[in-house]
C-alpha atoms as a PDB file:
ATOM      1  CA  MET A   1      -0.014   0.034   0.033  1.00  0.00           C
ATOM      2  CA  SER A   2       1.226   3.509  -0.796  1.00  0.00           C
ATOM      3  CA  GLU A   3       1.893   5.832   2.047  1.00  0.00           C
ATOM      4  CA  PRO A   4      -0.690   8.689   2.442  1.00  0.00           C
ATOM      5  CA  SER A   5       0.462  11.858   0.981  1.00  0.00           C
ATOM      6  CA  ARG A   6       1.961  14.258   3.454  1.00  0.00           C
ATOM      7  CA  GLU A   7       1.067  17.883   3.604  1.00  0.00           C
ATOM      8  CA  THR A   8       3.982  19.887   2.359  1.00  0.00           C
ATOM      9  CA  TRP A   9       4.923  23.405   3.446  1.00  0.00           C
ATOM     10  CA  HIS A  10       3.930  24.702   0.032  1.00  0.00           C
ATOM     11  CA  ARG A  11       0.395  23.366   0.324  1.00  0.00           C
ATOM     12  CA  ARG A  12       0.117  24.405   3.998  1.00  0.00           C
ATOM     13  CA  VAL A  13       1.585  27.916   3.632  1.00  0.00           C
ATOM     14  CA  ILE A  14       0.499  28.880   0.097  1.00  0.00           C
ATOM     15  CA  GLU A  15      -2.150  26.677  -1.467  1.00  0.00           C
ATOM     16  CA  HIS A  16      -4.429  26.847   1.594  1.00  0.00           C
ATOM     17  CA  ARG A  17      -4.308  30.680   1.513  1.00  0.00           C
ATOM     18  CA  SER A  18      -6.297  31.749  -1.586  1.00  0.00           C
ATOM     19  CA  ALA A  19      -5.411  35.426  -1.295  1.00  0.00           C
ATOM     20  CA  LEU A  20      -1.729  34.781  -0.925  1.00  0.00           C
ATOM     21  CA  LEU A  21      -1.803  32.320  -3.774  1.00  0.00           C
ATOM     22  CA  ALA A  22      -3.509  34.861  -5.984  1.00  0.00           C
ATOM     23  CA  ILE A  23      -0.988  37.571  -5.241  1.00  0.00           C
ATOM     24  CA  LEU A  24       2.034  35.259  -5.769  1.00  0.00           C
ATOM     25  CA  THR A  25       0.502  34.071  -9.108  1.00  0.00           C
ATOM     26  CA  THR A  26       0.060  37.566 -10.246  1.00  0.00           C
ATOM     27  CA  VAL A  27       3.556  38.532  -9.389  1.00  0.00           C
ATOM     28  CA  THR A  28       4.969  35.530 -11.222  1.00  0.00           C
ATOM     29  CA  VAL A  29       2.911  36.106 -14.366  1.00  0.00           C
ATOM     30  CA  SER A  30       3.839  39.755 -14.277  1.00  0.00           C
ATOM     31  CA  ILE A  31       7.574  38.952 -14.181  1.00  0.00           C
ATOM     32  CA  GLY A  32       7.293  36.610 -17.065  1.00  0.00           C
ATOM     33  CA  GLY A  33       5.388  39.278 -19.117  1.00  0.00           C
ATOM     34  CA  LEU A  34       7.866  41.947 -18.312  1.00  0.00           C
ATOM     35  CA  VAL A  35      10.811  39.791 -19.358  1.00  0.00           C
ATOM     36  CA  GLU A  36       9.256  39.479 -22.856  1.00  0.00           C
ATOM     37  CA  ILE A  37       7.804  43.024 -23.208  1.00  0.00           C
ATOM     38  CA  VAL A  38      10.508  45.306 -21.821  1.00  0.00           C
ATOM     39  CA  PRO A  39      13.267  44.236 -24.349  1.00  0.00           C
ATOM     40  CA  MET A  40      10.967  45.253 -27.179  1.00  0.00           C
ATOM     41  CA  TYR A  41      10.905  48.905 -25.942  1.00  0.00           C
ATOM     42  CA  ALA A  42      14.464  49.043 -24.587  1.00  0.00           C
ATOM     43  CA  ILE A  43      16.150  48.033 -27.818  1.00  0.00           C
ATOM     44  CA  PRO A  44      16.442  51.158 -30.104  1.00  0.00           C
ATOM     45  CA  THR A  45      14.767  50.920 -33.450  1.00  0.00           C
ATOM     46  CA  ASP A  46      16.834  51.035 -36.556  1.00  0.00           C
ATOM     47  CA  PRO A  47      16.677  54.571 -37.978  1.00  0.00           C
ATOM     48  CA  THR A  48      17.561  53.250 -41.419  1.00  0.00           C
ATOM     49  CA  GLU A  49      14.408  51.122 -41.696  1.00  0.00           C
ATOM     50  CA  PRO A  50      13.831  50.471 -45.416  1.00  0.00           C
ATOM     51  CA  VAL A  51      11.169  52.582 -47.152  1.00  0.00           C
ATOM     52  CA  ILE A  52       8.324  50.356 -48.530  1.00  0.00           C
ATOM     53  CA  ASP A  53       5.453  51.687 -50.567  1.00  0.00           C
ATOM     54  CA  PRO A  54       1.938  50.870 -49.451  1.00  0.00           C
ATOM     55  CA  TYR A  55      -0.140  48.360 -51.403  1.00  0.00           C
ATOM     56  CA  THR A  56      -1.661  49.721 -54.540  1.00  0.00           C
ATOM     57  CA  PRO A  57      -5.490  49.971 -54.756  1.00  0.00           C
ATOM     58  CA  LEU A  58      -5.568  46.791 -56.920  1.00  0.00           C
ATOM     59  CA  GLU A  59      -3.308  44.989 -54.423  1.00  0.00           C
ATOM     60  CA  VAL A  60      -5.537  46.183 -51.510  1.00  0.00           C
ATOM     61  CA  ALA A  61      -8.525  44.721 -53.402  1.00  0.00           C
ATOM     62  CA  GLY A  62      -6.701  41.419 -53.804  1.00  0.00           C
ATOM     63  CA  ARG A  63      -5.709  41.427 -50.173  1.00  0.00           C
ATOM     64  CA  ASP A  64      -9.266  41.887 -49.093  1.00  0.00           C
ATOM     65  CA  ILE A  65     -10.190  38.939 -51.320  1.00  0.00           C
ATOM     66  CA  TYR A  66      -7.388  36.886 -49.755  1.00  0.00           C
ATOM     67  CA  VAL A  67      -8.859  37.653 -46.282  1.00  0.00           C
ATOM     68  CA  ARG A  68     -12.410  37.060 -47.350  1.00  0.00           C
ATOM     69  CA  GLU A  69     -11.679  33.621 -48.773  1.00  0.00           C
ATOM     70  CA  GLY A  70      -9.794  32.670 -45.623  1.00  0.00           C
ATOM     71  CA  CYS A  71      -6.467  31.957 -47.368  1.00  0.00           C
ATOM     72  CA  TYR A  72      -4.634  32.670 -44.096  1.00  0.00           C
ATOM     73  CA  ASN A  73      -6.149  29.465 -42.710  1.00  0.00           C
ATOM     74  CA  CYS A  74      -3.911  27.344 -44.931  1.00  0.00           C
ATOM     75  CA  HIS A  75      -1.070  29.692 -45.909  1.00  0.00           C
ATOM     76  CA  SER A  76       1.303  31.502 -43.620  1.00  0.00           C
ATOM     77  CA  GLN A  77       3.208  34.623 -44.427  1.00  0.00           C
ATOM     78  CA  MET A  78       6.104  34.249 -42.142  1.00  0.00           C
ATOM     79  CA  ILE A  79       9.454  32.555 -42.974  1.00  0.00           C
ATOM     80  CA  ARG A  80      11.299  31.708 -39.705  1.00  0.00           C
ATOM     81  CA  PRO A  81      15.077  31.980 -39.541  1.00  0.00           C
ATOM     82  CA  LEU A  82      15.661  28.290 -39.833  1.00  0.00           C
ATOM     83  CA  ARG A  83      17.753  26.602 -42.512  1.00  0.00           C
ATOM     84  CA  ALA A  84      15.002  24.261 -43.621  1.00  0.00           C
ATOM     85  CA  GLU A  85      12.718  27.245 -44.219  1.00  0.00           C
ATOM     86  CA  THR A  86      15.085  29.621 -45.865  1.00  0.00           C
ATOM     87  CA  LEU A  87      16.208  26.858 -48.263  1.00  0.00           C
ATOM     88  CA  ARG A  88      12.638  26.273 -49.355  1.00  0.00           C
ATOM     89  CA  TYR A  89      11.003  29.712 -49.192  1.00  0.00           C
ATOM     90  CA  GLY A  90      13.929  32.207 -49.355  1.00  0.00           C
ATOM     91  CA  PRO A  91      15.215  34.866 -46.881  1.00  0.00           C
ATOM     92  CA  TRP A  92      13.555  34.869 -43.480  1.00  0.00           C
ATOM     93  CA  THR A  93      10.895  37.509 -42.930  1.00  0.00           C
ATOM     94  CA  ARG A  94      11.860  40.873 -41.388  1.00  0.00           C
ATOM     95  CA  ALA A  95       9.468  42.897 -39.274  1.00  0.00           C
ATOM     96  CA  TRP A  96       9.565  45.958 -41.494  1.00  0.00           C
ATOM     97  CA  GLU A  97       8.022  43.964 -44.286  1.00  0.00           C
ATOM     98  CA  TYR A  98       4.784  44.042 -42.502  1.00  0.00           C
ATOM     99  CA  LYS A  99       4.628  47.795 -42.216  1.00  0.00           C
ATOM    100  CA  TRP A 100       1.479  48.270 -44.227  1.00  0.00           C
ATOM    101  CA  ASP A 101      -0.237  44.994 -43.284  1.00  0.00           C
ATOM    102  CA  ARG A 102      -3.301  45.820 -41.266  1.00  0.00           C
ATOM    103  CA  PRO A 103      -3.950  43.248 -39.977  1.00  0.00           C
ATOM    104  CA  PHE A 104      -1.028  40.973 -40.387  1.00  0.00           C
ATOM    105  CA  GLN A 105      -1.610  37.822 -42.434  1.00  0.00           C
ATOM    106  CA  LEU A 106       0.929  35.652 -40.537  1.00  0.00           C
ATOM    107  CA  GLY A 107      -1.394  32.580 -40.510  1.00  0.00           C
ATOM    108  CA  SER A 108      -1.230  29.837 -37.962  1.00  0.00           C
ATOM    109  CA  ARG A 109      -0.971  26.710 -40.166  1.00  0.00           C
ATOM    110  CA  ARG A 110       0.855  25.573 -43.232  1.00  0.00           C
ATOM    111  CA  ILE A 111      -1.564  23.166 -44.928  1.00  0.00           C
ATOM    112  CA  GLY A 112      -0.338  24.880 -48.117  1.00  0.00           C
ATOM    113  CA  PRO A 113       3.215  26.448 -48.609  1.00  0.00           C
ATOM    114  CA  ASP A 114       4.238  29.774 -47.132  1.00  0.00           C
ATOM    115  CA  LEU A 115       3.467  32.751 -49.361  1.00  0.00           C
ATOM    116  CA  GLN A 116       5.754  35.405 -47.996  1.00  0.00           C
ATOM    117  CA  ARG A 117       8.069  35.181 -51.018  1.00  0.00           C
ATOM    118  CA  VAL A 118       5.555  33.982 -53.668  1.00  0.00           C
ATOM    119  CA  GLY A 119       5.676  37.308 -55.557  1.00  0.00           C
ATOM    120  CA  GLY A 120       7.346  36.775 -58.949  1.00  0.00           C
ATOM    121  CA  LYS A 121       7.897  33.025 -58.306  1.00  0.00           C
ATOM    122  CA  TYR A 122       5.113  32.028 -60.767  1.00  0.00           C
ATOM    123  CA  SER A 123       3.707  33.707 -63.757  1.00  0.00           C
ATOM    124  CA  ASP A 124       0.377  35.422 -63.886  1.00  0.00           C
ATOM    125  CA  ASP A 125      -1.251  32.620 -66.000  1.00  0.00           C
ATOM    126  CA  TRP A 126       0.002  30.042 -63.545  1.00  0.00           C
ATOM    127  CA  HIS A 127      -1.894  31.838 -60.748  1.00  0.00           C
ATOM    128  CA  TRP A 128      -4.950  32.054 -63.001  1.00  0.00           C
ATOM    129  CA  GLU A 129      -5.012  28.364 -63.657  1.00  0.00           C
ATOM    130  CA  HIS A 130      -4.141  27.572 -60.055  1.00  0.00           C
ATOM    131  CA  LEU A 131      -7.118  29.558 -58.716  1.00  0.00           C
ATOM    132  CA  LYS A 132      -9.451  27.768 -61.229  1.00  0.00           C
ATOM    133  CA  ASP A 133      -8.126  24.216 -60.664  1.00  0.00           C
ATOM    134  CA  PRO A 134      -5.185  23.929 -58.196  1.00  0.00           C
ATOM    135  CA  ARG A 135      -4.470  20.350 -59.207  1.00  0.00           C
ATOM    136  CA  SER A 136      -3.789  21.425 -62.777  1.00  0.00           C
ATOM    137  CA  THR A 137      -0.610  23.288 -61.513  1.00  0.00           C
ATOM    138  CA  SER A 138       0.248  21.525 -58.278  1.00  0.00           C
ATOM    139  CA  PHE A 139      -0.137  17.694 -58.386  1.00  0.00           C
ATOM    140  CA  GLY A 140      -1.865  16.331 -55.273  1.00  0.00           C
ATOM    141  CA  SER A 141      -2.969  19.760 -54.004  1.00  0.00           C
ATOM    142  CA  ILE A 142      -5.841  19.665 -51.572  1.00  0.00           C
ATOM    143  CA  MET A 143      -6.645  23.396 -52.128  1.00  0.00           C
ATOM    144  CA  PRO A 144     -10.246  23.905 -53.283  1.00  0.00           C
ATOM    145  CA  PRO A 145     -10.904  25.622 -56.600  1.00  0.00           C
ATOM    146  CA  TYR A 146     -12.062  29.237 -56.703  1.00  0.00           C
ATOM    147  CA  PRO A 147     -13.690  29.499 -60.135  1.00  0.00           C
ATOM    148  CA  TRP A 148     -15.937  32.404 -59.094  1.00  0.00           C
ATOM    149  CA  LEU A 149     -12.897  34.647 -58.804  1.00  0.00           C
ATOM    150  CA  GLU A 150     -12.643  34.507 -62.581  1.00  0.00           C
ATOM    151  CA  THR A 151     -16.203  35.646 -63.105  1.00  0.00           C
ATOM    152  CA  ASP A 152     -17.033  38.018 -60.099  1.00  0.00           C
ATOM    153  CA  LYS A 153     -15.876  41.626 -60.376  1.00  0.00           C
ATOM    154  CA  VAL A 154     -14.297  44.043 -57.939  1.00  0.00           C
ATOM    155  CA  ASP A 155     -16.408  46.913 -56.809  1.00  0.00           C
ATOM    156  CA  PRO A 156     -14.314  50.178 -56.790  1.00  0.00           C
ATOM    157  CA  ALA A 157     -16.548  51.591 -54.021  1.00  0.00           C
ATOM    158  CA  ASP A 158     -15.387  48.686 -51.684  1.00  0.00           C
ATOM    159  CA  VAL A 159     -11.788  49.343 -52.550  1.00  0.00           C
ATOM    160  CA  ALA A 160     -12.167  53.096 -51.826  1.00  0.00           C
ATOM    161  CA  ALA A 161     -13.725  52.200 -48.462  1.00  0.00           C
ATOM    162  CA  SER A 162     -10.755  50.031 -47.627  1.00  0.00           C
ATOM    163  CA  LEU A 163      -8.306  52.759 -48.757  1.00  0.00           C
ATOM    164  CA  THR A 164     -10.087  55.335 -46.532  1.00  0.00           C
ATOM    165  CA  ALA A 165      -9.938  53.070 -43.592  1.00  0.00           C
ATOM    166  CA  LEU A 166      -6.253  52.318 -44.062  1.00  0.00           C
ATOM    167  CA  ALA A 167      -5.583  56.021 -44.466  1.00  0.00           C
ATOM    168  CA  HIS A 168      -7.131  56.667 -41.051  1.00  0.00           C
ATOM    169  CA  LEU A 169      -4.818  54.178 -39.678  1.00  0.00           C
ATOM    170  CA  GLY A 170      -1.789  56.027 -41.035  1.00  0.00           C
ATOM    171  CA  THR A 171      -1.278  54.486 -44.498  1.00  0.00           C
ATOM    172  CA  PRO A 172      -0.197  57.402 -46.726  1.00  0.00           C
ATOM    173  CA  TYR A 173      -2.765  57.282 -49.497  1.00  0.00           C
ATOM    174  CA  ALA A 174      -3.227  60.705 -51.173  1.00  0.00           C
ATOM    175  CA  ASP A 175      -6.376  59.761 -53.006  1.00  0.00           C
ATOM    176  CA  THR A 176      -8.903  57.448 -51.482  1.00  0.00           C
ATOM    177  CA  SER A 177     -11.824  58.301 -53.760  1.00  0.00           C
ATOM    178  CA  GLU A 178     -13.674  55.779 -55.873  1.00  0.00           C
ATOM    179  CA  ALA A 179     -12.663  57.549 -59.067  1.00  0.00           C
ATOM    180  CA  GLY A 180      -9.003  57.478 -57.996  1.00  0.00           C
ATOM    181  CA  ALA A 181      -9.174  53.835 -57.012  1.00  0.00           C
ATOM    182  CA  SER A 182     -10.893  52.874 -60.220  1.00  0.00           C
ATOM    183  CA  LYS A 183      -8.293  54.632 -62.334  1.00  0.00           C
ATOM    184  CA  ALA A 184      -5.355  53.151 -60.425  1.00  0.00           C
ATOM    185  CA  MET A 185      -6.703  49.602 -60.626  1.00  0.00           C
ATOM    186  CA  ALA A 186      -7.392  49.955 -64.338  1.00  0.00           C
ATOM    187  CA  GLU A 187      -3.744  51.002 -65.011  1.00  0.00           C
ATOM    188  CA  GLN A 188      -2.231  48.097 -63.028  1.00  0.00           C
ATOM    189  CA  SER A 189      -4.659  45.415 -64.097  1.00  0.00           C
ATOM    190  CA  ALA A 190      -4.040  46.227 -67.807  1.00  0.00           C
ATOM    191  CA  GLY A 191      -0.528  44.794 -67.438  1.00  0.00           C
ATOM    192  CA  ILE A 192      -1.770  41.548 -65.939  1.00  0.00           C
ATOM    193  CA  VAL A 193      -4.474  41.187 -68.655  1.00  0.00           C
ATOM    194  CA  GLU A 194      -1.923  41.806 -71.336  1.00  0.00           C
ATOM    195  CA  ARG A 195       0.462  39.112 -69.906  1.00  0.00           C
ATOM    196  CA  LEU A 196      -2.413  36.765 -69.666  1.00  0.00           C
ATOM    197  CA  ALA A 197      -3.425  37.481 -73.263  1.00  0.00           C
ATOM    198  CA  GLY A 198       0.151  36.512 -74.276  1.00  0.00           C
ATOM    199  CA  LYS A 199      -0.470  33.042 -72.828  1.00  0.00           C
ATOM    200  CA  GLY A 200      -3.831  32.635 -74.547  1.00  0.00           C
ATOM    201  CA  VAL A 201      -6.024  33.716 -71.538  1.00  0.00           C
ATOM    202  CA  THR A 202      -8.740  36.236 -72.104  1.00  0.00           C
ATOM    203  CA  ALA A 203      -9.736  38.071 -68.904  1.00  0.00           C
ATOM    204  CA  ALA A 204     -11.564  41.298 -68.029  1.00  0.00           C
ATOM    205  CA  PRO A 205      -9.462  43.841 -65.984  1.00  0.00           C
ATOM    206  CA  ASP A 206     -11.955  44.135 -63.181  1.00  0.00           C
ATOM    207  CA  LEU A 207     -12.136  40.481 -62.229  1.00  0.00           C
ATOM    208  CA  GLU A 208     -11.439  39.451 -58.655  1.00  0.00           C
ATOM    209  CA  ALA A 209      -8.840  36.956 -59.839  1.00  0.00           C
ATOM    210  CA  ILE A 210      -6.902  39.869 -61.423  1.00  0.00           C
ATOM    211  CA  ALA A 211      -6.783  41.684 -58.069  1.00  0.00           C
ATOM    212  CA  LEU A 212      -5.732  38.572 -56.180  1.00  0.00           C
ATOM    213  CA  ILE A 213      -2.953  37.816 -58.663  1.00  0.00           C
ATOM    214  CA  ALA A 214      -1.738  41.425 -58.275  1.00  0.00           C
ATOM    215  CA  TYR A 215      -1.600  40.964 -54.480  1.00  0.00           C
ATOM    216  CA  LEU A 216       0.129  37.602 -54.632  1.00  0.00           C
ATOM    217  CA  GLN A 217       2.693  38.948 -57.160  1.00  0.00           C
ATOM    218  CA  ARG A 218       3.557  41.702 -54.628  1.00  0.00           C
ATOM    219  CA  LEU A 219       4.143  39.520 -51.711  1.00  0.00           C
ATOM    220  CA  GLY A 220       7.756  39.508 -50.544  1.00  0.00           C
ATOM    221  CA  THR A 221       9.113  41.445 -53.461  1.00  0.00           C
ATOM    222  CA  ASP A 222       9.969  44.519 -51.375  1.00  0.00           C
ATOM    223  CA  GLY A 223      11.947  42.283 -48.870  1.00  0.00           C
ATOM    224  CA  LYS A 224      13.737  40.446 -51.651  1.00  0.00           C
ATOM    225  CA  ARG A 225      14.712  43.664 -53.400  1.00  0.00           C
ATOM    226  CA  ILE A 226      15.910  45.487 -50.306  1.00  0.00           C
ATOM    227  CA  LEU A 227      17.787  42.469 -48.889  1.00  0.00           C
ATOM    228  CA  SER A 228      19.546  41.895 -52.288  1.00  0.00           C
ATOM    229  CA  GLU A 229      20.552  45.564 -52.403  1.00  0.00           C
ATOM    230  CA  ALA A 230      21.997  45.438 -48.903  1.00  0.00           C
ATOM    231  CA  LYS A 231      24.364  42.609 -49.769  1.00  0.00           C
END
């Protein structure tokens, strides 16, 4: 038979006194929190932080679609400084790359590959086919198809509302009007439509797929450019 448990000093002095236990627990948790928080404010920020342009109106529209469709549930946008990750995805992610991400799209799972450096990795027509039928470009992919993105259109009024909200948060957009957003989107989407046409794909410039492709093609390009220039 096992011996009956003896009452230790910890149980007798602390655990039986709920008020003291609550105070000591609060102190312990506070110390742990301070150890993590204080260094972030104590370490001076780099005054030479790279300058990154905000997302264009078309890229903002694509980002909104990315969030709406829940892409962050299967794709992360954060490459950790581990050899296995940098070999597969490219340079690890720097904090300044998220400057205009509100909110961040770090993700929490990697059912699909990380997208932090996906910009420029594939052609526009690859993304077009991938959105329509993921298995046509990625064998064995479990990503669902998104054919409606190639028929549904972007509403410039929604994009203007997003630009206005981002401007209130500090993103330096000079023109957040619907007319300005529509003009900027038309100019950028024309290039994507032209490249798709060169591959035999006919697409209207105001399709949601065009906006999402613009956003994906932007991801990580600032970081890759700045890091390569710093070498």
